[in-house]
Amino acid sequence: MSDGKTTESRTTARRGGFRLSANLTVAIICLSAVGGMVGASYASVPLYRLFCQVTGYGGTTRTAVNSEGIKVIDRDITVRFDANVSPSLNLKFEPVQRSVTIKLGEVKKIAYTAENTTDKTIYGTATFNVTPQQVGAYFNKLECFCFTETVVKPGEKLDMPVVFFVDPELVDGEETRNVHTVTLSYTFYPTPEGGKPVETTRSNVVKDGSTGG
């Protein structure tokens, strides 16, 4: 009898240890993100990305390599597009169209534009989220300008494409099967000149009515 109780106690202790370890991991990530943003603002974007990837916070979407094997089904969903800019960034940023209605599984390409009406080069990085947040796991981006530094020269207007699809498995989720409208929102923040982002986005330059590569 005592052996059974001892085994049960050990099992409970191990489970408690696993929970404690998981909690400590999340706590460390949170503290690192806060500390990084306070101590070095330029690091806030990569820390935010890491936090979202680990915890699934903020309607984090998935990045898909392609849409092969995804079947288009006869179920409409409306995707709205939102654009925001940090008050410290003098950039005109907006979606070309405010919303589209597509079938689940259908690949769609839309675009945002970023225009610099100042006489100085602007350096910025965009973060994003999807609402309702539980839809993030079904929202797949094939092409996106998020989490890369965008450079907009004086007088330039950039065409910034986004290619995406919404996974048909959305209809199987208990919390998502009744969702018919989602919002994809981007927010631009300034990045320091001469910083070292993972990538630099130039997109398509639109100037004086012409488009270049």
N, C-alpha and C. Protein backbone atom coordinates (compact mmCIF):
# COMPACT_ATOMS: atom_id res chain seq x y z
N MET A 1 0.83 -1.20 0.00
CA MET A 1 0.00 0.00 0.00
C MET A 1 0.86 1.25 0.00
N SER A 2 1.90 1.20 0.83
CA SER A 2 2.79 2.36 0.91
C SER A 2 3.53 2.59 -0.40
N ASP A 3 3.88 1.46 -1.10
CA ASP A 3 4.57 1.59 -2.37
C ASP A 3 3.70 2.31 -3.39
N GLY A 4 2.38 2.01 -3.38
CA GLY A 4 1.45 2.66 -4.30
C GLY A 4 1.37 4.15 -4.03
N LYS A 5 1.30 4.50 -2.74
CA LYS A 5 1.21 5.91 -2.39
C LYS A 5 2.50 6.64 -2.76
N THR A 6 3.63 5.94 -2.57
CA THR A 6 4.92 6.56 -2.90
C THR A 6 5.02 6.83 -4.40
N THR A 7 4.59 5.84 -5.21
CA THR A 7 4.62 6.00 -6.67
C THR A 7 3.73 7.15 -7.11
N GLU A 8 2.52 7.22 -6.50
CA GLU A 8 1.58 8.28 -6.84
C GLU A 8 2.16 9.65 -6.48
N SER A 9 2.83 9.71 -5.33
CA SER A 9 3.42 10.97 -4.89
C SER A 9 4.52 11.42 -5.84
N ARG A 10 5.33 10.43 -6.30
CA ARG A 10 6.41 10.77 -7.23
C ARG A 10 5.85 11.27 -8.55
N THR A 11 4.77 10.61 -9.04
CA THR A 11 4.14 11.02 -10.30
C THR A 11 3.60 12.44 -10.19
N THR A 12 2.93 12.71 -9.06
CA THR A 12 2.38 14.05 -8.83
C THR A 12 3.49 15.09 -8.79
N ALA A 13 4.59 14.73 -8.15
CA ALA A 13 5.72 15.65 -8.04
C ALA A 13 6.31 15.96 -9.42
N ARG A 14 6.41 14.89 -10.27
CA ARG A 14 6.95 15.11 -11.61
C ARG A 14 6.05 16.03 -12.41
N ARG A 15 4.72 15.81 -12.31
CA ARG A 15 3.78 16.66 -13.03
C ARG A 15 3.89 18.10 -12.56
N GLY A 16 4.02 18.24 -11.25
CA GLY A 16 4.17 19.59 -10.70
C GLY A 16 5.44 20.24 -11.21
N GLY A 17 6.50 19.44 -11.34
CA GLY A 17 7.76 19.97 -11.85
C GLY A 17 7.64 20.41 -13.30
N PHE A 18 6.90 19.61 -14.11
CA PHE A 18 6.70 19.97 -15.51
C PHE A 18 5.94 21.29 -15.63
N ARG A 19 4.88 21.45 -14.79
CA ARG A 19 4.10 22.68 -14.83
C ARG A 19 4.95 23.87 -14.43
N LEU A 20 5.78 23.67 -13.39
CA LEU A 20 6.64 24.74 -12.92
C LEU A 20 7.63 25.14 -14.00
N SER A 21 8.19 24.12 -14.70
CA SER A 21 9.15 24.40 -15.77
C SER A 21 8.50 25.18 -16.90
N ALA A 22 7.28 24.79 -17.28
CA ALA A 22 6.56 25.49 -18.35
C ALA A 22 6.27 26.93 -17.95
N ASN A 23 5.84 27.11 -16.70
CA ASN A 23 5.54 28.46 -16.22
C ASN A 23 6.79 29.33 -16.21
N LEU A 24 7.91 28.73 -15.79
CA LEU A 24 9.16 29.48 -15.77
C LEU A 24 9.59 29.88 -17.17
N THR A 25 9.36 28.98 -18.15
CA THR A 25 9.73 29.29 -19.53
C THR A 25 8.96 30.49 -20.05
N VAL A 26 7.64 30.49 -19.83
CA VAL A 26 6.81 31.61 -20.26
C VAL A 26 7.22 32.88 -19.54
N ALA A 27 7.49 32.77 -18.23
CA ALA A 27 7.89 33.94 -17.45
C ALA A 27 9.19 34.54 -17.97
N ILE A 28 10.15 33.67 -18.30
CA ILE A 28 11.44 34.14 -18.81
C ILE A 28 11.26 34.86 -20.15
N ILE A 29 10.41 34.29 -21.02
CA ILE A 29 10.15 34.91 -22.32
C ILE A 29 9.53 36.29 -22.13
N CYS A 30 8.55 36.37 -21.23
CA CYS A 30 7.87 37.65 -20.98
C CYS A 30 8.84 38.69 -20.44
N LEU A 31 9.65 38.28 -19.45
CA LEU A 31 10.60 39.21 -18.86
C LEU A 31 11.65 39.64 -19.87
N SER A 32 12.08 38.72 -20.73
CA SER A 32 13.07 39.06 -21.75
C SER A 32 12.50 40.07 -22.73
N ALA A 33 11.23 39.85 -23.13
CA ALA A 33 10.60 40.78 -24.07
C ALA A 33 10.47 42.16 -23.47
N VAL A 34 9.99 42.23 -22.22
CA VAL A 34 9.83 43.52 -21.56
C VAL A 34 11.18 44.19 -21.38
N GLY A 35 12.16 43.43 -20.90
CA GLY A 35 13.48 44.00 -20.68
C GLY A 35 14.11 44.48 -21.96
N GLY A 36 13.91 43.70 -23.05
CA GLY A 36 14.49 44.10 -24.33
C GLY A 36 13.86 45.37 -24.86
N MET A 37 12.54 45.51 -24.71
CA MET A 37 11.86 46.68 -25.22
C MET A 37 12.22 47.93 -24.42
N VAL A 38 12.43 47.76 -23.13
CA VAL A 38 12.80 48.90 -22.29
C VAL A 38 14.26 49.27 -22.51
N GLY A 39 15.13 48.27 -22.59
CA GLY A 39 16.56 48.55 -22.69
C GLY A 39 17.02 48.89 -24.08
N ALA A 40 16.34 48.35 -25.11
CA ALA A 40 16.75 48.61 -26.49
C ALA A 40 15.54 48.52 -27.39
N SER A 41 14.97 49.66 -27.74
CA SER A 41 13.70 49.66 -28.47
C SER A 41 13.82 49.01 -29.83
N TYR A 42 15.01 49.06 -30.45
CA TYR A 42 15.17 48.47 -31.78
C TYR A 42 15.00 46.96 -31.76
N ALA A 43 15.09 46.35 -30.58
CA ALA A 43 14.98 44.89 -30.49
C ALA A 43 13.55 44.45 -30.26
N SER A 44 12.61 45.39 -30.14
CA SER A 44 11.25 45.04 -29.76
C SER A 44 10.55 44.18 -30.80
N VAL A 45 10.80 44.43 -32.09
CA VAL A 45 10.12 43.66 -33.14
C VAL A 45 10.52 42.20 -33.13
N PRO A 46 11.84 41.86 -33.13
CA PRO A 46 12.19 40.43 -33.08
C PRO A 46 11.74 39.77 -31.79
N LEU A 47 11.75 40.48 -30.66
CA LEU A 47 11.28 39.90 -29.40
C LEU A 47 9.78 39.64 -29.46
N TYR A 48 9.05 40.58 -30.05
CA TYR A 48 7.60 40.40 -30.20
C TYR A 48 7.31 39.18 -31.06
N ARG A 49 8.08 39.03 -32.14
CA ARG A 49 7.88 37.88 -33.04
C ARG A 49 8.15 36.58 -32.29
N LEU A 50 9.24 36.54 -31.51
CA LEU A 50 9.58 35.34 -30.75
C LEU A 50 8.48 35.02 -29.74
N PHE A 51 8.00 36.05 -29.06
CA PHE A 51 6.95 35.86 -28.06
C PHE A 51 5.69 35.26 -28.70
N CYS A 52 5.30 35.81 -29.86
CA CYS A 52 4.10 35.32 -30.56
C CYS A 52 4.28 33.89 -31.04
N GLN A 53 5.47 33.58 -31.56
CA GLN A 53 5.71 32.23 -32.08
C GLN A 53 5.67 31.19 -30.98
N VAL A 54 6.18 31.54 -29.79
CA VAL A 54 6.24 30.58 -28.69
C VAL A 54 4.90 30.44 -27.99
N THR A 55 4.18 31.56 -27.80
CA THR A 55 2.96 31.52 -27.00
C THR A 55 1.69 31.52 -27.84
N GLY A 56 1.78 31.86 -29.15
CA GLY A 56 0.58 31.95 -29.98
C GLY A 56 -0.23 33.18 -29.69
N TYR A 57 0.38 34.19 -29.05
CA TYR A 57 -0.33 35.40 -28.66
C TYR A 57 -0.57 36.32 -29.85
N GLY A 58 -1.64 37.10 -29.77
CA GLY A 58 -1.85 38.18 -30.73
C GLY A 58 -2.36 37.79 -32.09
N GLY A 59 -3.03 36.64 -32.20
CA GLY A 59 -3.55 36.24 -33.51
C GLY A 59 -2.45 35.94 -34.49
N THR A 60 -1.38 35.30 -34.00
CA THR A 60 -0.24 34.98 -34.86
C THR A 60 -0.67 34.07 -36.00
N THR A 61 -0.30 34.42 -37.23
CA THR A 61 -0.67 33.60 -38.38
C THR A 61 0.43 32.61 -38.69
N ARG A 62 0.16 31.72 -39.62
CA ARG A 62 1.16 30.75 -40.06
C ARG A 62 1.75 31.20 -41.40
N THR A 63 3.02 30.87 -41.62
CA THR A 63 3.67 31.14 -42.90
C THR A 63 3.73 29.84 -43.68
N ALA A 64 3.06 29.78 -44.81
CA ALA A 64 3.01 28.57 -45.62
C ALA A 64 3.97 28.67 -46.79
N VAL A 65 4.57 27.54 -47.16
CA VAL A 65 5.47 27.50 -48.31
C VAL A 65 4.66 27.57 -49.60
N ASN A 66 3.56 26.82 -49.66
CA ASN A 66 2.67 26.86 -50.81
C ASN A 66 1.29 26.38 -50.35
N SER A 67 0.34 26.38 -51.29
CA SER A 67 -1.02 25.97 -50.95
C SER A 67 -1.38 24.61 -51.54
N GLU A 68 -0.37 23.84 -51.94
CA GLU A 68 -0.63 22.52 -52.51
C GLU A 68 -1.33 21.62 -51.49
N GLY A 69 -2.32 20.88 -51.96
CA GLY A 69 -3.04 19.99 -51.06
C GLY A 69 -4.18 20.65 -50.33
N ILE A 70 -4.31 21.98 -50.47
CA ILE A 70 -5.41 22.70 -49.83
C ILE A 70 -6.59 22.77 -50.79
N LYS A 71 -7.70 22.23 -50.38
CA LYS A 71 -8.89 22.19 -51.23
C LYS A 71 -9.77 23.41 -50.97
N VAL A 72 -10.19 24.06 -52.05
CA VAL A 72 -11.10 25.19 -51.94
C VAL A 72 -12.51 24.66 -51.71
N ILE A 73 -13.19 25.16 -50.68
CA ILE A 73 -14.54 24.71 -50.39
C ILE A 73 -15.53 25.87 -50.55
N ASP A 74 -16.79 25.52 -50.72
CA ASP A 74 -17.83 26.53 -50.96
C ASP A 74 -18.28 27.15 -49.64
N ARG A 75 -17.41 27.93 -49.07
CA ARG A 75 -17.69 28.64 -47.80
C ARG A 75 -16.99 29.99 -47.85
N ASP A 76 -17.77 31.06 -47.85
CA ASP A 76 -17.21 32.40 -47.96
C ASP A 76 -16.68 32.91 -46.62
N ILE A 77 -15.63 33.71 -46.71
CA ILE A 77 -15.14 34.43 -45.54
C ILE A 77 -14.66 35.80 -46.01
N THR A 78 -14.99 36.82 -45.26
CA THR A 78 -14.59 38.19 -45.59
C THR A 78 -13.36 38.57 -44.78
N VAL A 79 -12.34 39.06 -45.47
CA VAL A 79 -11.11 39.50 -44.80
C VAL A 79 -11.01 41.01 -44.93
N ARG A 80 -10.97 41.68 -43.79
CA ARG A 80 -10.82 43.14 -43.77
C ARG A 80 -9.35 43.49 -43.52
N PHE A 81 -8.94 44.64 -44.04
CA PHE A 81 -7.54 45.05 -43.92
C PHE A 81 -7.44 46.38 -43.19
N ASP A 82 -6.55 46.40 -42.22
CA ASP A 82 -6.38 47.57 -41.37
C ASP A 82 -4.92 48.02 -41.40
N ALA A 83 -4.68 49.31 -41.30
CA ALA A 83 -3.31 49.84 -41.32
C ALA A 83 -3.14 50.89 -40.23
N ASN A 84 -2.03 50.78 -39.50
CA ASN A 84 -1.72 51.72 -38.43
C ASN A 84 -0.25 52.11 -38.51
N VAL A 85 0.05 53.31 -38.04
CA VAL A 85 1.43 53.81 -38.06
C VAL A 85 1.75 54.42 -36.70
N SER A 86 2.93 54.10 -36.19
CA SER A 86 3.38 54.70 -34.94
C SER A 86 3.42 56.22 -35.07
N PRO A 87 3.00 56.95 -34.02
CA PRO A 87 3.01 58.42 -34.08
C PRO A 87 4.39 59.01 -34.39
N SER A 88 5.44 58.26 -34.10
CA SER A 88 6.80 58.76 -34.34
C SER A 88 7.30 58.48 -35.75
N LEU A 89 6.43 57.89 -36.59
CA LEU A 89 6.83 57.56 -37.97
C LEU A 89 5.94 58.33 -38.94
N ASN A 90 6.54 59.23 -39.71
CA ASN A 90 5.79 60.08 -40.64
C ASN A 90 5.63 59.37 -41.98
N LEU A 91 4.75 58.36 -42.00
CA LEU A 91 4.56 57.52 -43.17
C LEU A 91 3.07 57.37 -43.46
N LYS A 92 2.71 57.50 -44.74
CA LYS A 92 1.33 57.26 -45.15
C LYS A 92 1.21 55.80 -45.55
N PHE A 93 0.47 55.03 -44.78
CA PHE A 93 0.40 53.58 -44.96
C PHE A 93 -1.06 53.15 -44.96
N GLU A 94 -1.48 52.44 -46.00
CA GLU A 94 -2.89 52.04 -46.10
C GLU A 94 -3.06 50.87 -47.05
N PRO A 95 -4.16 50.11 -46.89
CA PRO A 95 -4.45 49.01 -47.82
C PRO A 95 -5.03 49.57 -49.12
N VAL A 96 -4.75 48.91 -50.23
CA VAL A 96 -5.30 49.33 -51.51
C VAL A 96 -6.81 49.12 -51.52
N GLN A 97 -7.27 48.04 -50.90
CA GLN A 97 -8.69 47.78 -50.76
C GLN A 97 -8.98 47.41 -49.31
N ARG A 98 -10.15 47.78 -48.85
CA ARG A 98 -10.47 47.62 -47.43
C ARG A 98 -10.90 46.21 -47.05
N SER A 99 -11.40 45.44 -48.02
CA SER A 99 -11.84 44.08 -47.70
C SER A 99 -11.99 43.26 -48.98
N VAL A 100 -11.94 41.94 -48.82
CA VAL A 100 -12.23 41.01 -49.91
C VAL A 100 -13.03 39.85 -49.34
N THR A 101 -13.85 39.25 -50.17
CA THR A 101 -14.58 38.05 -49.78
C THR A 101 -14.10 36.90 -50.67
N ILE A 102 -13.62 35.85 -50.03
CA ILE A 102 -13.03 34.72 -50.76
C ILE A 102 -13.60 33.41 -50.23
N LYS A 103 -13.29 32.32 -50.93
CA LYS A 103 -13.65 30.98 -50.47
C LYS A 103 -12.54 30.47 -49.55
N LEU A 104 -12.89 29.64 -48.60
CA LEU A 104 -11.88 29.01 -47.76
C LEU A 104 -10.98 28.14 -48.64
N GLY A 105 -9.68 28.31 -48.52
CA GLY A 105 -8.72 27.58 -49.34
C GLY A 105 -8.28 28.34 -50.58
N GLU A 106 -8.99 29.41 -50.92
CA GLU A 106 -8.66 30.20 -52.11
C GLU A 106 -7.46 31.11 -51.83
N VAL A 107 -6.47 31.10 -52.73
CA VAL A 107 -5.30 31.97 -52.60
C VAL A 107 -5.65 33.36 -53.14
N LYS A 108 -5.35 34.37 -52.35
CA LYS A 108 -5.68 35.75 -52.74
C LYS A 108 -4.48 36.67 -52.55
N LYS A 109 -4.29 37.57 -53.52
CA LYS A 109 -3.23 38.57 -53.43
C LYS A 109 -3.83 39.96 -53.29
N ILE A 110 -3.40 40.67 -52.27
CA ILE A 110 -3.83 42.06 -52.07
C ILE A 110 -2.56 42.89 -51.86
N ALA A 111 -2.73 44.17 -51.62
CA ALA A 111 -1.54 45.01 -51.43
C ALA A 111 -1.83 46.17 -50.48
N TYR A 112 -0.77 46.58 -49.81
CA TYR A 112 -0.76 47.82 -49.04
C TYR A 112 0.19 48.79 -49.75
N THR A 113 0.05 50.08 -49.48
CA THR A 113 1.00 51.06 -50.00
C THR A 113 1.60 51.85 -48.85
N ALA A 114 2.87 52.20 -49.00
CA ALA A 114 3.57 53.03 -48.02
C ALA A 114 4.18 54.20 -48.78
N GLU A 115 3.81 55.42 -48.40
CA GLU A 115 4.26 56.61 -49.11
C GLU A 115 5.00 57.56 -48.18
N ASN A 116 6.15 58.01 -48.64
CA ASN A 116 6.97 58.96 -47.88
C ASN A 116 6.81 60.34 -48.51
N THR A 117 6.11 61.23 -47.83
CA THR A 117 5.90 62.58 -48.35
C THR A 117 6.88 63.58 -47.75
N THR A 118 7.87 63.08 -47.01
CA THR A 118 8.86 63.96 -46.38
C THR A 118 10.11 64.05 -47.26
N ASP A 119 11.09 64.82 -46.79
CA ASP A 119 12.35 64.96 -47.53
C ASP A 119 13.46 64.11 -46.91
N LYS A 120 13.07 63.14 -46.06
CA LYS A 120 14.05 62.27 -45.42
C LYS A 120 13.68 60.80 -45.65
N THR A 121 14.69 59.94 -45.73
CA THR A 121 14.44 58.51 -45.89
C THR A 121 13.83 57.94 -44.61
N ILE A 122 12.82 57.10 -44.78
CA ILE A 122 12.12 56.51 -43.64
C ILE A 122 12.48 55.03 -43.54
N TYR A 123 12.80 54.59 -42.33
CA TYR A 123 13.10 53.19 -42.05
C TYR A 123 12.03 52.67 -41.09
N GLY A 124 11.33 51.62 -41.48
CA GLY A 124 10.27 51.10 -40.63
C GLY A 124 10.12 49.59 -40.73
N THR A 125 9.46 49.02 -39.76
CA THR A 125 9.17 47.59 -39.74
C THR A 125 7.72 47.38 -39.32
N ALA A 126 7.04 46.48 -40.00
CA ALA A 126 5.62 46.23 -39.71
C ALA A 126 5.43 44.96 -38.90
N THR A 127 4.58 45.04 -37.89
CA THR A 127 4.10 43.86 -37.19
C THR A 127 2.64 43.66 -37.59
N PHE A 128 2.07 42.52 -37.24
CA PHE A 128 0.70 42.24 -37.68
C PHE A 128 -0.03 41.41 -36.64
N ASN A 129 -1.34 41.37 -36.77
CA ASN A 129 -2.12 40.41 -36.02
C ASN A 129 -3.44 40.17 -36.75
N VAL A 130 -4.09 39.08 -36.39
CA VAL A 130 -5.37 38.72 -36.98
C VAL A 130 -6.41 38.63 -35.87
N THR A 131 -7.57 39.19 -36.10
CA THR A 131 -8.68 39.06 -35.15
C THR A 131 -9.90 38.53 -35.89
N PRO A 132 -10.70 37.68 -35.21
CA PRO A 132 -10.51 37.11 -33.88
C PRO A 132 -9.20 36.31 -33.79
N GLN A 133 -8.57 36.35 -32.62
CA GLN A 133 -7.25 35.76 -32.47
C GLN A 133 -7.22 34.26 -32.75
N GLN A 134 -8.33 33.56 -32.47
CA GLN A 134 -8.33 32.11 -32.67
C GLN A 134 -8.27 31.72 -34.14
N VAL A 135 -8.48 32.69 -35.03
CA VAL A 135 -8.41 32.42 -36.47
C VAL A 135 -6.96 32.42 -36.96
N GLY A 136 -6.05 32.97 -36.17
CA GLY A 136 -4.66 33.09 -36.58
C GLY A 136 -4.04 31.78 -37.04
N ALA A 137 -4.40 30.68 -36.41
CA ALA A 137 -3.83 29.38 -36.75
C ALA A 137 -4.29 28.90 -38.13
N TYR A 138 -5.35 29.50 -38.67
CA TYR A 138 -5.88 29.08 -39.97
C TYR A 138 -5.55 30.08 -41.08
N PHE A 139 -4.97 31.22 -40.70
CA PHE A 139 -4.65 32.27 -41.67
C PHE A 139 -3.21 32.07 -42.13
N ASN A 140 -3.03 31.69 -43.39
CA ASN A 140 -1.71 31.35 -43.92
C ASN A 140 -1.22 32.40 -44.90
N LYS A 141 -0.03 32.93 -44.68
CA LYS A 141 0.56 33.92 -45.57
C LYS A 141 1.63 33.26 -46.45
N LEU A 142 1.48 33.41 -47.76
CA LEU A 142 2.47 32.91 -48.71
C LEU A 142 3.51 33.98 -49.04
N GLU A 143 3.12 35.24 -48.92
CA GLU A 143 4.03 36.36 -49.15
C GLU A 143 3.61 37.51 -48.25
N CYS A 144 4.60 38.16 -47.62
CA CYS A 144 4.27 39.20 -46.66
C CYS A 144 5.49 40.10 -46.45
N PHE A 145 5.26 41.34 -46.03
CA PHE A 145 6.35 42.29 -45.78
C PHE A 145 6.60 42.50 -44.29
N CYS A 146 5.96 41.71 -43.45
CA CYS A 146 6.08 41.91 -42.01
C CYS A 146 7.43 41.45 -41.46
N PHE A 147 7.84 42.07 -40.37
CA PHE A 147 9.08 41.74 -39.64
C PHE A 147 10.35 41.89 -40.48
N THR A 148 10.30 42.69 -41.54
CA THR A 148 11.50 43.03 -42.30
C THR A 148 11.58 44.55 -42.38
N GLU A 149 12.77 45.08 -42.44
CA GLU A 149 12.91 46.53 -42.52
C GLU A 149 12.47 47.03 -43.89
N THR A 150 11.64 48.05 -43.91
CA THR A 150 11.19 48.68 -45.14
C THR A 150 11.84 50.06 -45.24
N VAL A 151 12.47 50.32 -46.37
CA VAL A 151 13.14 51.61 -46.60
C VAL A 151 12.34 52.38 -47.64
N VAL A 152 11.87 53.57 -47.27
CA VAL A 152 11.09 54.40 -48.19
C VAL A 152 11.82 55.73 -48.36
N LYS A 153 12.32 55.97 -49.56
CA LYS A 153 13.06 57.19 -49.83
C LYS A 153 12.11 58.38 -50.01
N PRO A 154 12.62 59.60 -49.90
CA PRO A 154 11.77 60.79 -50.06
C PRO A 154 11.00 60.77 -51.39
N GLY A 155 9.70 60.96 -51.32
CA GLY A 155 8.87 60.99 -52.52
C GLY A 155 8.47 59.64 -53.06
N GLU A 156 8.94 58.56 -52.45
CA GLU A 156 8.61 57.21 -52.94
C GLU A 156 7.28 56.71 -52.40
N LYS A 157 6.66 55.85 -53.21
CA LYS A 157 5.45 55.15 -52.80
C LYS A 157 5.65 53.67 -53.11
N LEU A 158 5.64 52.84 -52.09
CA LEU A 158 5.90 51.42 -52.28
C LEU A 158 4.60 50.63 -52.34
N ASP A 159 4.56 49.68 -53.28
CA ASP A 159 3.45 48.74 -53.39
C ASP A 159 3.89 47.46 -52.67
N MET A 160 3.20 47.09 -51.59
CA MET A 160 3.64 46.00 -50.72
C MET A 160 2.62 44.87 -50.72
N PRO A 161 2.87 43.81 -51.48
CA PRO A 161 1.88 42.73 -51.64
C PRO A 161 1.81 41.78 -50.45
N VAL A 162 0.64 41.21 -50.29
CA VAL A 162 0.40 40.15 -49.31
C VAL A 162 -0.38 39.05 -50.03
N VAL A 163 0.12 37.82 -49.97
CA VAL A 163 -0.56 36.68 -50.59
C VAL A 163 -0.94 35.72 -49.47
N PHE A 164 -2.19 35.30 -49.43
CA PHE A 164 -2.65 34.50 -48.29
C PHE A 164 -3.80 33.58 -48.69
N PHE A 165 -4.12 32.66 -47.80
CA PHE A 165 -5.35 31.88 -47.89
C PHE A 165 -5.78 31.51 -46.48
N VAL A 166 -7.06 31.21 -46.33
CA VAL A 166 -7.60 30.79 -45.04
C VAL A 166 -7.90 29.30 -45.13
N ASP A 167 -7.29 28.53 -44.25
CA ASP A 167 -7.41 27.07 -44.28
C ASP A 167 -8.86 26.62 -44.09
N PRO A 168 -9.35 25.73 -44.97
CA PRO A 168 -10.72 25.22 -44.84
C PRO A 168 -10.99 24.53 -43.51
N GLU A 169 -9.94 24.09 -42.81
CA GLU A 169 -10.13 23.45 -41.51
C GLU A 169 -10.72 24.40 -40.48
N LEU A 170 -10.83 25.67 -40.85
CA LEU A 170 -11.48 26.66 -39.99
C LEU A 170 -12.87 26.19 -39.59
N VAL A 171 -13.57 25.51 -40.52
CA VAL A 171 -14.95 25.10 -40.24
C VAL A 171 -15.02 23.94 -39.25
N ASP A 172 -13.89 23.30 -38.99
CA ASP A 172 -13.87 22.18 -38.05
C ASP A 172 -13.56 22.61 -36.62
N GLY A 173 -13.07 23.83 -36.46
CA GLY A 173 -12.72 24.32 -35.13
C GLY A 173 -13.94 24.74 -34.34
N GLU A 174 -14.01 24.31 -33.09
CA GLU A 174 -15.17 24.63 -32.27
C GLU A 174 -15.33 26.13 -32.07
N GLU A 175 -14.20 26.86 -31.98
CA GLU A 175 -14.25 28.30 -31.74
C GLU A 175 -14.22 29.11 -33.03
N THR A 176 -14.08 28.45 -34.17
CA THR A 176 -13.93 29.20 -35.43
C THR A 176 -14.97 28.86 -36.49
N ARG A 177 -15.73 27.80 -36.30
CA ARG A 177 -16.63 27.35 -37.37
C ARG A 177 -17.70 28.39 -37.73
N ASN A 178 -18.01 29.28 -36.78
CA ASN A 178 -19.03 30.30 -37.05
C ASN A 178 -18.44 31.67 -37.38
N VAL A 179 -17.13 31.72 -37.59
CA VAL A 179 -16.48 32.98 -37.95
C VAL A 179 -16.61 33.21 -39.45
N HIS A 180 -17.14 34.36 -39.83
CA HIS A 180 -17.32 34.69 -41.25
C HIS A 180 -16.57 35.96 -41.66
N THR A 181 -16.01 36.67 -40.69
CA THR A 181 -15.26 37.89 -40.97
C THR A 181 -14.02 37.94 -40.10
N VAL A 182 -12.87 38.21 -40.70
CA VAL A 182 -11.62 38.37 -39.95
C VAL A 182 -10.96 39.67 -40.38
N THR A 183 -10.09 40.18 -39.52
CA THR A 183 -9.36 41.41 -39.82
C THR A 183 -7.87 41.17 -39.75
N LEU A 184 -7.16 41.51 -40.82
CA LEU A 184 -5.70 41.46 -40.85
C LEU A 184 -5.20 42.89 -40.65
N SER A 185 -4.46 43.09 -39.58
CA SER A 185 -4.03 44.44 -39.22
C SER A 185 -2.51 44.53 -39.17
N TYR A 186 -1.96 45.57 -39.80
CA TYR A 186 -0.52 45.83 -39.76
C TYR A 186 -0.26 47.16 -39.05
N THR A 187 0.83 47.20 -38.30
CA THR A 187 1.26 48.44 -37.65
C THR A 187 2.73 48.67 -37.95
N PHE A 188 3.06 49.86 -38.48
CA PHE A 188 4.44 50.20 -38.80
C PHE A 188 5.09 50.94 -37.63
N TYR A 189 6.31 50.50 -37.30
CA TYR A 189 7.11 51.14 -36.26
C TYR A 189 8.44 51.59 -36.86
N PRO A 190 9.04 52.65 -36.33
CA PRO A 190 10.34 53.08 -36.85
C PRO A 190 11.45 52.13 -36.45
N THR A 191 12.44 51.97 -37.32
CA THR A 191 13.64 51.22 -36.98
C THR A 191 14.83 52.16 -37.16
N PRO A 192 15.89 51.99 -36.38
CA PRO A 192 17.03 52.91 -36.45
C PRO A 192 17.78 52.78 -37.77
N GLU A 193 18.18 53.91 -38.32
CA GLU A 193 18.97 53.90 -39.55
C GLU A 193 20.28 53.16 -39.31
N GLY A 194 20.62 52.28 -40.25
CA GLY A 194 21.87 51.53 -40.10
C GLY A 194 21.72 50.30 -39.25
N GLY A 195 20.46 49.95 -38.90
CA GLY A 195 20.23 48.74 -38.12
C GLY A 195 20.50 47.51 -38.96
N LYS A 196 20.42 46.35 -38.35
CA LYS A 196 20.73 45.11 -39.06
C LYS A 196 19.55 44.15 -38.98
N PRO A 197 18.47 44.39 -39.77
CA PRO A 197 17.34 43.47 -39.80
C PRO A 197 17.71 42.19 -40.52
N VAL A 198 16.84 41.19 -40.38
CA VAL A 198 17.07 39.93 -41.09
C VAL A 198 16.99 40.14 -42.59
N GLU A 199 16.04 40.95 -43.02
CA GLU A 199 15.87 41.23 -44.44
C GLU A 199 15.52 42.70 -44.62
N THR A 200 15.68 43.19 -45.83
CA THR A 200 15.27 44.55 -46.15
C THR A 200 14.25 44.48 -47.28
N THR A 201 13.11 45.12 -47.08
CA THR A 201 12.04 45.11 -48.07
C THR A 201 12.06 46.38 -48.89
N ARG A 202 12.06 46.27 -50.23
CA ARG A 202 11.95 47.43 -51.09
C ARG A 202 10.64 47.37 -51.87
N SER A 203 10.08 46.16 -52.05
CA SER A 203 8.82 45.98 -52.77
C SER A 203 8.87 46.67 -54.13
N ASN A 204 7.72 47.12 -54.60
CA ASN A 204 7.66 47.83 -55.87
C ASN A 204 7.58 49.32 -55.62
N VAL A 205 8.45 50.07 -56.28
CA VAL A 205 8.48 51.51 -56.09
C VAL A 205 7.55 52.16 -57.09
N VAL A 206 6.64 52.99 -56.58
CA VAL A 206 5.71 53.72 -57.43
C VAL A 206 6.03 55.20 -57.27
N LYS A 207 6.52 55.83 -58.32
CA LYS A 207 6.91 57.24 -58.25
C LYS A 207 6.51 57.94 -59.53
N ASP A 208 5.82 59.06 -59.35
CA ASP A 208 5.35 59.83 -60.50
C ASP A 208 4.51 58.99 -61.45
N GLY A 209 3.71 58.06 -60.84
CA GLY A 209 2.79 57.26 -61.64
C GLY A 209 3.39 56.06 -62.30
N SER A 210 4.71 55.81 -62.11
CA SER A 210 5.33 54.64 -62.74
C SER A 210 5.67 53.61 -61.71
N THR A 211 5.83 52.35 -62.15
CA THR A 211 6.14 51.25 -61.24
C THR A 211 7.46 50.62 -61.65
N GLY A 212 8.30 50.41 -60.65
CA GLY A 212 9.59 49.79 -60.94
C GLY A 212 9.79 48.59 -60.07
N GLY A 213 10.84 47.77 -60.34
CA GLY A 213 11.10 46.58 -59.57
C GLY A 213 12.02 46.86 -58.43
